[in-house]
Amino acid sequence: MNASFGVLEEVLTEKLGIETPIYAFSVSSLPSVPAEWFFKLFQEKPKWGWQDLQPFIRDLKVPGLSSEGLLLKYTRTQPSADAEPIFSAR
């Protein structure tokens, strides 16, 4: 049986050379205030790819702001022509 990191949604992974440690990190442990939510996310991991960040923000609802609006307000992106953007704290 082959394992895939794709099934580990809402779990933090970090590539360290050839090893990839896995950390439990639950959405339910995040504060309900968006500024504190993003602060806590970036405390755990300073840089996030979209695939890693998406499970943690998809349920965050703020009246008048979409997920993209929340990302614009609380993150910076480091765009790359040939890779997905990397999000970090604003």
PDB file of N, CA and C in Angstrom:
ATOM      1  N   MET A   1       0.843  -1.171   0.000  1.00  0.00           N
ATOM      2  CA  MET A   1       0.000   0.000   0.000  1.00  0.00           C
ATOM      3  C   MET A   1       0.891   1.238   0.000  1.00  0.00           C
ATOM      4  N   ASN A   2       0.583   2.189  -0.854  1.00  0.00           N
ATOM      5  CA  ASN A   2       1.325   3.443  -0.912  1.00  0.00           C
ATOM      6  C   ASN A   2       0.596   4.514  -0.121  1.00  0.00           C
ATOM      7  N   ALA A   3       1.330   5.244   0.688  1.00  0.00           N
ATOM      8  CA  ALA A   3       0.757   6.345   1.466  1.00  0.00           C
ATOM      9  C   ALA A   3       0.977   7.654   0.726  1.00  0.00           C
ATOM     10  N   SER A   4       0.071   8.595   0.943  1.00  0.00           N
ATOM     11  CA  SER A   4       0.170   9.908   0.305  1.00  0.00           C
ATOM     12  C   SER A   4      -0.082  10.988   1.346  1.00  0.00           C
ATOM     13  N   PHE A   5       0.673  12.094   1.260  1.00  0.00           N
ATOM     14  CA  PHE A   5       0.452  13.203   2.177  1.00  0.00           C
ATOM     15  C   PHE A   5      -0.861  13.918   1.867  1.00  0.00           C
ATOM     16  N   GLY A   6      -1.451  13.660   0.712  1.00  0.00           N
ATOM     17  CA  GLY A   6      -2.716  14.283   0.338  1.00  0.00           C
ATOM     18  C   GLY A   6      -3.860  13.937   1.277  1.00  0.00           C
ATOM     19  N   VAL A   7      -3.799  12.799   1.929  1.00  0.00           N
ATOM     20  CA  VAL A   7      -4.864  12.391   2.844  1.00  0.00           C
ATOM     21  C   VAL A   7      -4.711  13.026   4.225  1.00  0.00           C
ATOM     22  N   LEU A   8      -3.638  13.724   4.448  1.00  0.00           N
ATOM     23  CA  LEU A   8      -3.369  14.319   5.756  1.00  0.00           C
ATOM     24  C   LEU A   8      -3.789  15.785   5.807  1.00  0.00           C
ATOM     25  N   GLU A   9      -5.018  16.062   5.408  1.00  0.00           N
ATOM     26  CA  GLU A   9      -5.519  17.422   5.446  1.00  0.00           C
ATOM     27  C   GLU A   9      -5.600  17.887   6.897  1.00  0.00           C
ATOM     28  N   GLU A  10      -5.323  19.155   7.133  1.00  0.00           N
ATOM     29  CA  GLU A  10      -5.302  19.758   8.465  1.00  0.00           C
ATOM     30  C   GLU A  10      -4.212  19.158   9.346  1.00  0.00           C
ATOM     31  N   VAL A  11      -3.143  18.713   8.731  1.00  0.00           N
ATOM     32  CA  VAL A  11      -1.974  18.221   9.445  1.00  0.00           C
ATOM     33  C   VAL A  11      -0.779  18.970   8.893  1.00  0.00           C
ATOM     34  N   LEU A  12       0.099  19.434   9.771  1.00  0.00           N
ATOM     35  CA  LEU A  12       1.280  20.153   9.313  1.00  0.00           C
ATOM     36  C   LEU A  12       2.380  19.182   8.958  1.00  0.00           C
ATOM     37  N   THR A  13       3.023  19.428   7.846  1.00  0.00           N
ATOM     38  CA  THR A  13       4.208  18.668   7.472  1.00  0.00           C
ATOM     39  C   THR A  13       5.298  19.661   7.128  1.00  0.00           C
ATOM     40  N   GLU A  14       6.521  19.252   7.311  1.00  0.00           N
ATOM     41  CA  GLU A  14       7.656  20.117   7.006  1.00  0.00           C
ATOM     42  C   GLU A  14       8.744  19.259   6.382  1.00  0.00           C
ATOM     43  N   LYS A  15       9.160  19.633   5.197  1.00  0.00           N
ATOM     44  CA  LYS A  15      10.191  18.869   4.485  1.00  0.00           C
ATOM     45  C   LYS A  15      11.556  19.245   5.055  1.00  0.00           C
ATOM     46  N   LEU A  16      12.263  18.282   5.621  1.00  0.00           N
ATOM     47  CA  LEU A  16      13.602  18.479   6.175  1.00  0.00           C
ATOM     48  C   LEU A  16      14.530  17.462   5.530  1.00  0.00           C
ATOM     49  N   GLY A  17      15.164  17.862   4.438  1.00  0.00           N
ATOM     50  CA  GLY A  17      16.011  16.920   3.713  1.00  0.00           C
ATOM     51  C   GLY A  17      15.159  15.813   3.130  1.00  0.00           C
ATOM     52  N   ILE A  18      15.488  14.573   3.469  1.00  0.00           N
ATOM     53  CA  ILE A  18      14.699  13.454   2.951  1.00  0.00           C
ATOM     54  C   ILE A  18      13.573  13.055   3.905  1.00  0.00           C
ATOM     55  N   GLU A  19      13.519  13.667   5.088  1.00  0.00           N
ATOM     56  CA  GLU A  19      12.487  13.342   6.067  1.00  0.00           C
ATOM     57  C   GLU A  19      11.372  14.381   6.041  1.00  0.00           C
ATOM     58  N   THR A  20      10.170  13.952   6.379  1.00  0.00           N
ATOM     59  CA  THR A  20       9.024  14.849   6.463  1.00  0.00           C
ATOM     60  C   THR A  20       8.281  14.573   7.764  1.00  0.00           C
ATOM     61  N   PRO A  21       8.610  15.323   8.835  1.00  0.00           N
ATOM     62  CA  PRO A  21       7.881  15.136  10.089  1.00  0.00           C
ATOM     63  C   PRO A  21       6.420  15.588   9.947  1.00  0.00           C
ATOM     64  N   ILE A  22       5.544  14.989  10.721  1.00  0.00           N
ATOM     65  CA  ILE A  22       4.118  15.307  10.705  1.00  0.00           C
ATOM     66  C   ILE A  22       3.730  15.809  12.089  1.00  0.00           C
ATOM     67  N   TYR A  23       2.973  16.927  12.118  1.00  0.00           N
ATOM     68  CA  TYR A  23       2.531  17.525  13.373  1.00  0.00           C
ATOM     69  C   TYR A  23       1.011  17.627  13.371  1.00  0.00           C
ATOM     70  N   ALA A  24       0.385  17.254  14.472  1.00  0.00           N
ATOM     71  CA  ALA A  24      -1.059  17.451  14.607  1.00  0.00           C
ATOM     72  C   ALA A  24      -1.318  18.925  14.882  1.00  0.00           C
ATOM     73  N   PHE A  25      -2.255  19.516  14.162  1.00  0.00           N
ATOM     74  CA  PHE A  25      -2.600  20.927  14.335  1.00  0.00           C
ATOM     75  C   PHE A  25      -4.047  21.083  13.904  1.00  0.00           C
ATOM     76  N   SER A  26      -4.935  21.273  14.843  1.00  0.00           N
ATOM     77  CA  SER A  26      -6.368  21.262  14.573  1.00  0.00           C
ATOM     78  C   SER A  26      -6.926  22.660  14.344  1.00  0.00           C
ATOM     79  N   VAL A  27      -7.839  22.775  13.402  1.00  0.00           N
ATOM     80  CA  VAL A  27      -8.530  24.040  13.157  1.00  0.00           C
ATOM     81  C   VAL A  27      -9.275  24.472  14.413  1.00  0.00           C
ATOM     82  N   SER A  28      -9.805  23.526  15.160  1.00  0.00           N
ATOM     83  CA  SER A  28     -10.564  23.862  16.366  1.00  0.00           C
ATOM     84  C   SER A  28      -9.698  24.509  17.440  1.00  0.00           C
ATOM     85  N   SER A  29      -8.376  24.397  17.333  1.00  0.00           N
ATOM     86  CA  SER A  29      -7.491  25.030  18.312  1.00  0.00           C
ATOM     87  C   SER A  29      -7.200  26.491  17.969  1.00  0.00           C
ATOM     88  N   LEU A  30      -7.678  26.958  16.810  1.00  0.00           N
ATOM     89  CA  LEU A  30      -7.415  28.329  16.387  1.00  0.00           C
ATOM     90  C   LEU A  30      -8.443  29.289  16.986  1.00  0.00           C
ATOM     91  N   PRO A  31      -8.025  30.535  17.290  1.00  0.00           N
ATOM     92  CA  PRO A  31      -8.964  31.535  17.822  1.00  0.00           C
ATOM     93  C   PRO A  31     -10.048  31.877  16.794  1.00  0.00           C
ATOM     94  N   SER A  32     -11.138  32.482  17.247  1.00  0.00           N
ATOM     95  CA  SER A  32     -12.227  32.831  16.331  1.00  0.00           C
ATOM     96  C   SER A  32     -12.032  34.197  15.672  1.00  0.00           C
ATOM     97  N   VAL A  33     -11.144  35.024  16.196  1.00  0.00           N
ATOM     98  CA  VAL A  33     -10.867  36.347  15.629  1.00  0.00           C
ATOM     99  C   VAL A  33      -9.851  36.188  14.492  1.00  0.00           C
ATOM    100  N   PRO A  34     -10.161  36.670  13.279  1.00  0.00           N
ATOM    101  CA  PRO A  34      -9.270  36.444  12.131  1.00  0.00           C
ATOM    102  C   PRO A  34      -7.819  36.883  12.338  1.00  0.00           C
ATOM    103  N   ALA A  35      -7.578  38.045  12.940  1.00  0.00           N
ATOM    104  CA  ALA A  35      -6.197  38.503  13.148  1.00  0.00           C
ATOM    105  C   ALA A  35      -5.433  37.514  14.034  1.00  0.00           C
ATOM    106  N   GLU A  36      -6.091  37.038  15.092  1.00  0.00           N
ATOM    107  CA  GLU A  36      -5.461  36.069  15.992  1.00  0.00           C
ATOM    108  C   GLU A  36      -5.310  34.710  15.305  1.00  0.00           C
ATOM    109  N   TRP A  37      -6.273  34.361  14.458  1.00  0.00           N
ATOM    110  CA  TRP A  37      -6.256  33.110  13.690  1.00  0.00           C
ATOM    111  C   TRP A  37      -4.991  33.046  12.846  1.00  0.00           C
ATOM    112  N   PHE A  38      -4.757  34.109  12.052  1.00  0.00           N
ATOM    113  CA  PHE A  38      -3.583  34.132  11.183  1.00  0.00           C
ATOM    114  C   PHE A  38      -2.290  34.242  11.990  1.00  0.00           C
ATOM    115  N   PHE A  39      -2.311  34.995  13.100  1.00  0.00           N
ATOM    116  CA  PHE A  39      -1.126  35.093  13.958  1.00  0.00           C
ATOM    117  C   PHE A  39      -0.720  33.704  14.439  1.00  0.00           C
ATOM    118  N   LYS A  40      -1.692  32.931  14.891  1.00  0.00           N
ATOM    119  CA  LYS A  40      -1.420  31.576  15.392  1.00  0.00           C
ATOM    120  C   LYS A  40      -0.905  30.662  14.272  1.00  0.00           C
ATOM    121  N   LEU A  41      -1.506  30.767  13.082  1.00  0.00           N
ATOM    122  CA  LEU A  41      -1.035  29.958  11.955  1.00  0.00           C
ATOM    123  C   LEU A  41       0.430  30.246  11.646  1.00  0.00           C
ATOM    124  N   PHE A  42       0.789  31.536  11.581  1.00  0.00           N
ATOM    125  CA  PHE A  42       2.156  31.897  11.222  1.00  0.00           C
ATOM    126  C   PHE A  42       3.131  31.709  12.382  1.00  0.00           C
ATOM    127  N   GLN A  43       2.622  31.574  13.590  1.00  0.00           N
ATOM    128  CA  GLN A  43       3.477  31.187  14.714  1.00  0.00           C
ATOM    129  C   GLN A  43       3.894  29.728  14.557  1.00  0.00           C
ATOM    130  N   GLU A  44       2.972  28.905  14.114  1.00  0.00           N
ATOM    131  CA  GLU A  44       3.252  27.479  13.920  1.00  0.00           C
ATOM    132  C   GLU A  44       4.195  27.233  12.757  1.00  0.00           C
ATOM    133  N   LYS A  45       3.977  27.978  11.682  1.00  0.00           N
ATOM    134  CA  LYS A  45       4.755  27.781  10.465  1.00  0.00           C
ATOM    135  C   LYS A  45       4.839  29.134   9.760  1.00  0.00           C
ATOM    136  N   PRO A  46       6.040  29.709   9.599  1.00  0.00           N
ATOM    137  CA  PRO A  46       6.169  31.067   9.054  1.00  0.00           C
ATOM    138  C   PRO A  46       5.776  31.215   7.588  1.00  0.00           C
ATOM    139  N   LYS A  47       5.879  30.159   6.796  1.00  0.00           N
ATOM    140  CA  LYS A  47       5.542  30.232   5.371  1.00  0.00           C
ATOM    141  C   LYS A  47       4.655  29.050   4.998  1.00  0.00           C
ATOM    142  N   TRP A  48       3.605  29.355   4.234  1.00  0.00           N
ATOM    143  CA  TRP A  48       2.628  28.347   3.853  1.00  0.00           C
ATOM    144  C   TRP A  48       2.413  28.350   2.349  1.00  0.00           C
ATOM    145  N   GLY A  49       2.344  27.178   1.743  1.00  0.00           N
ATOM    146  CA  GLY A  49       1.874  27.040   0.372  1.00  0.00           C
ATOM    147  C   GLY A  49       0.352  27.001   0.397  1.00  0.00           C
ATOM    148  N   TRP A  50      -0.288  27.298  -0.737  1.00  0.00           N
ATOM    149  CA  TRP A  50      -1.751  27.312  -0.788  1.00  0.00           C
ATOM    150  C   TRP A  50      -2.346  25.969  -0.384  1.00  0.00           C
ATOM    151  N   GLN A  51      -1.781  24.868  -0.840  1.00  0.00           N
ATOM    152  CA  GLN A  51      -2.321  23.544  -0.526  1.00  0.00           C
ATOM    153  C   GLN A  51      -2.293  23.270   0.976  1.00  0.00           C
ATOM    154  N   ASP A  52      -1.282  23.793   1.667  1.00  0.00           N
ATOM    155  CA  ASP A  52      -1.182  23.604   3.117  1.00  0.00           C
ATOM    156  C   ASP A  52      -2.116  24.549   3.870  1.00  0.00           C
ATOM    157  N   LEU A  53      -2.264  25.768   3.382  1.00  0.00           N
ATOM    158  CA  LEU A  53      -3.030  26.808   4.074  1.00  0.00           C
ATOM    159  C   LEU A  53      -4.540  26.646   3.887  1.00  0.00           C
ATOM    160  N   GLN A  54      -4.966  26.203   2.740  1.00  0.00           N
ATOM    161  CA  GLN A  54      -6.381  26.150   2.386  1.00  0.00           C
ATOM    162  C   GLN A  54      -7.259  25.409   3.398  1.00  0.00           C
ATOM    163  N   PRO A  55      -6.881  24.244   3.906  1.00  0.00           N
ATOM    164  CA  PRO A  55      -7.753  23.571   4.880  1.00  0.00           C
ATOM    165  C   PRO A  55      -7.953  24.367   6.168  1.00  0.00           C
ATOM    166  N   PHE A  56      -7.021  25.250   6.488  1.00  0.00           N
ATOM    167  CA  PHE A  56      -7.109  26.012   7.728  1.00  0.00           C
ATOM    168  C   PHE A  56      -7.908  27.301   7.577  1.00  0.00           C
ATOM    169  N   ILE A  57      -8.128  27.770   6.349  1.00  0.00           N
ATOM    170  CA  ILE A  57      -8.876  29.021   6.181  1.00  0.00           C
ATOM    171  C   ILE A  57     -10.238  28.838   5.525  1.00  0.00           C
ATOM    172  N   ARG A  58     -10.524  27.684   4.969  1.00  0.00           N
ATOM    173  CA  ARG A  58     -11.781  27.529   4.226  1.00  0.00           C
ATOM    174  C   ARG A  58     -13.013  27.688   5.111  1.00  0.00           C
ATOM    175  N   ASP A  59     -12.922  27.388   6.403  1.00  0.00           N
ATOM    176  CA  ASP A  59     -14.077  27.515   7.292  1.00  0.00           C
ATOM    177  C   ASP A  59     -14.105  28.837   8.046  1.00  0.00           C
ATOM    178  N   LEU A  60     -13.117  29.685   7.834  1.00  0.00           N
ATOM    179  CA  LEU A  60     -13.072  30.987   8.501  1.00  0.00           C
ATOM    180  C   LEU A  60     -14.004  31.934   7.756  1.00  0.00           C
ATOM    181  N   LYS A  61     -15.078  32.336   8.399  1.00  0.00           N
ATOM    182  CA  LYS A  61     -16.085  33.195   7.768  1.00  0.00           C
ATOM    183  C   LYS A  61     -16.086  34.570   8.432  1.00  0.00           C
ATOM    184  N   VAL A  62     -15.939  35.604   7.611  1.00  0.00           N
ATOM    185  CA  VAL A  62     -16.002  36.985   8.070  1.00  0.00           C
ATOM    186  C   VAL A  62     -16.975  37.708   7.145  1.00  0.00           C
ATOM    187  N   PRO A  63     -18.010  38.340   7.694  1.00  0.00           N
ATOM    188  CA  PRO A  63     -18.967  39.042   6.830  1.00  0.00           C
ATOM    189  C   PRO A  63     -18.261  40.070   5.942  1.00  0.00           C
ATOM    190  N   GLY A  64     -18.546  40.006   4.655  1.00  0.00           N
ATOM    191  CA  GLY A  64     -17.980  40.965   3.709  1.00  0.00           C
ATOM    192  C   GLY A  64     -16.609  40.604   3.169  1.00  0.00           C
ATOM    193  N   LEU A  65     -16.003  39.506   3.654  1.00  0.00           N
ATOM    194  CA  LEU A  65     -14.685  39.103   3.159  1.00  0.00           C
ATOM    195  C   LEU A  65     -14.702  37.647   2.705  1.00  0.00           C
ATOM    196  N   SER A  66     -14.208  37.422   1.513  1.00  0.00           N
ATOM    197  CA  SER A  66     -14.046  36.060   1.011  1.00  0.00           C
ATOM    198  C   SER A  66     -12.721  35.505   1.533  1.00  0.00           C
ATOM    199  N   SER A  67     -12.443  34.253   1.236  1.00  0.00           N
ATOM    200  CA  SER A  67     -11.143  33.672   1.610  1.00  0.00           C
ATOM    201  C   SER A  67     -10.005  34.465   0.988  1.00  0.00           C
ATOM    202  N   GLU A  68     -10.194  34.884  -0.283  1.00  0.00           N
ATOM    203  CA  GLU A  68      -9.165  35.677  -0.963  1.00  0.00           C
ATOM    204  C   GLU A  68      -8.979  37.025  -0.276  1.00  0.00           C
ATOM    205  N   GLY A  69     -10.093  37.636   0.162  1.00  0.00           N
ATOM    206  CA  GLY A  69     -10.021  38.910   0.877  1.00  0.00           C
ATOM    207  C   GLY A  69      -9.272  38.780   2.195  1.00  0.00           C
ATOM    208  N   LEU A  70      -9.504  37.678   2.902  1.00  0.00           N
ATOM    209  CA  LEU A  70      -8.781  37.428   4.153  1.00  0.00           C
ATOM    210  C   LEU A  70      -7.288  37.270   3.890  1.00  0.00           C
ATOM    211  N   LEU A  71      -6.949  36.556   2.817  1.00  0.00           N
ATOM    212  CA  LEU A  71      -5.534  36.387   2.476  1.00  0.00           C
ATOM    213  C   LEU A  71      -4.892  37.727   2.140  1.00  0.00           C
ATOM    214  N   LEU A  72      -5.604  38.568   1.398  1.00  0.00           N
ATOM    215  CA  LEU A  72      -5.064  39.894   1.061  1.00  0.00           C
ATOM    216  C   LEU A  72      -4.857  40.744   2.308  1.00  0.00           C
ATOM    217  N   LYS A  73      -5.774  40.632   3.254  1.00  0.00           N
ATOM    218  CA  LYS A  73      -5.712  41.458   4.460  1.00  0.00           C
ATOM    219  C   LYS A  73      -4.649  40.989   5.457  1.00  0.00           C
ATOM    220  N   TYR A  74      -4.474  39.679   5.604  1.00  0.00           N
ATOM    221  CA  TYR A  74      -3.634  39.157   6.681  1.00  0.00           C
ATOM    222  C   TYR A  74      -2.339  38.484   6.241  1.00  0.00           C
ATOM    223  N   THR A  75      -2.097  38.386   4.932  1.00  0.00           N
ATOM    224  CA  THR A  75      -0.879  37.701   4.489  1.00  0.00           C
ATOM    225  C   THR A  75      -0.142  38.503   3.431  1.00  0.00           C
ATOM    226  N   ARG A  76       1.083  38.117   3.209  1.00  0.00           N
ATOM    227  CA  ARG A  76       1.883  38.587   2.077  1.00  0.00           C
ATOM    228  C   ARG A  76       2.133  37.361   1.208  1.00  0.00           C
ATOM    229  N   THR A  77       2.282  37.601  -0.079  1.00  0.00           N
ATOM    230  CA  THR A  77       2.614  36.479  -0.954  1.00  0.00           C
ATOM    231  C   THR A  77       3.976  36.697  -1.574  1.00  0.00           C
ATOM    232  N   GLN A  78       4.628  35.609  -1.820  1.00  0.00           N
ATOM    233  CA  GLN A  78       5.904  35.617  -2.521  1.00  0.00           C
ATOM    234  C   GLN A  78       5.674  34.857  -3.818  1.00  0.00           C
ATOM    235  N   PRO A  79       5.223  35.592  -4.857  1.00  0.00           N
ATOM    236  CA  PRO A  79       4.892  34.904  -6.106  1.00  0.00           C
ATOM    237  C   PRO A  79       6.126  34.384  -6.826  1.00  0.00           C
ATOM    238  N   SER A  80       5.903  33.349  -7.568  1.00  0.00           N
ATOM    239  CA  SER A  80       6.952  32.756  -8.382  1.00  0.00           C
ATOM    240  C   SER A  80       6.330  32.391  -9.722  1.00  0.00           C
ATOM    241  N   ALA A  81       7.055  32.609 -10.785  1.00  0.00           N
ATOM    242  CA  ALA A  81       6.517  32.345 -12.121  1.00  0.00           C
ATOM    243  C   ALA A  81       6.215  30.867 -12.345  1.00  0.00           C
ATOM    244  N   ASP A  82       6.991  29.992 -11.735  1.00  0.00           N
ATOM    245  CA  ASP A  82       6.831  28.566 -12.017  1.00  0.00           C
ATOM    246  C   ASP A  82       6.385  27.730 -10.815  1.00  0.00           C
ATOM    247  N   ALA A  83       5.908  28.387  -9.761  1.00  0.00           N
ATOM    248  CA  ALA A  83       5.463  27.643  -8.581  1.00  0.00           C
ATOM    249  C   ALA A  83       4.280  28.366  -7.937  1.00  0.00           C
ATOM    250  N   GLU A  84       3.583  27.656  -7.065  1.00  0.00           N
ATOM    251  CA  GLU A  84       2.463  28.285  -6.367  1.00  0.00           C
ATOM    252  C   GLU A  84       2.992  29.349  -5.409  1.00  0.00           C
ATOM    253  N   PRO A  85       2.188  30.376  -5.117  1.00  0.00           N
ATOM    254  CA  PRO A  85       2.662  31.424  -4.209  1.00  0.00           C
ATOM    255  C   PRO A  85       2.861  30.886  -2.794  1.00  0.00           C
ATOM    256  N   ILE A  86       3.759  31.521  -2.082  1.00  0.00           N
ATOM    257  CA  ILE A  86       4.020  31.208  -0.679  1.00  0.00           C
ATOM    258  C   ILE A  86       3.452  32.354   0.151  1.00  0.00           C
ATOM    259  N   PHE A  87       2.674  32.021   1.185  1.00  0.00           N
ATOM    260  CA  PHE A  87       2.042  33.020   2.036  1.00  0.00           C
ATOM    261  C   PHE A  87       2.813  33.135   3.341  1.00  0.00           C
ATOM    262  N   SER A  88       3.012  34.383   3.794  1.00  0.00           N
ATOM    263  CA  SER A  88       3.659  34.637   5.081  1.00  0.00           C
ATOM    264  C   SER A  88       2.885  35.744   5.789  1.00  0.00           C
ATOM    265  N   ALA A  89       3.228  36.008   7.043  1.00  0.00           N
ATOM    266  CA  ALA A  89       2.515  37.010   7.840  1.00  0.00           C
ATOM    267  C   ALA A  89       2.730  38.407   7.283  1.00  0.00           C
ATOM    268  N   ARG A  90       1.709  39.225   7.363  1.00  0.00           N
ATOM    269  CA  ARG A  90       1.788  40.624   6.949  1.00  0.00           C
ATOM    270  C   ARG A  90       2.385  41.434   8.069  1.00  0.00           C
TER     271      ARG A  90
END
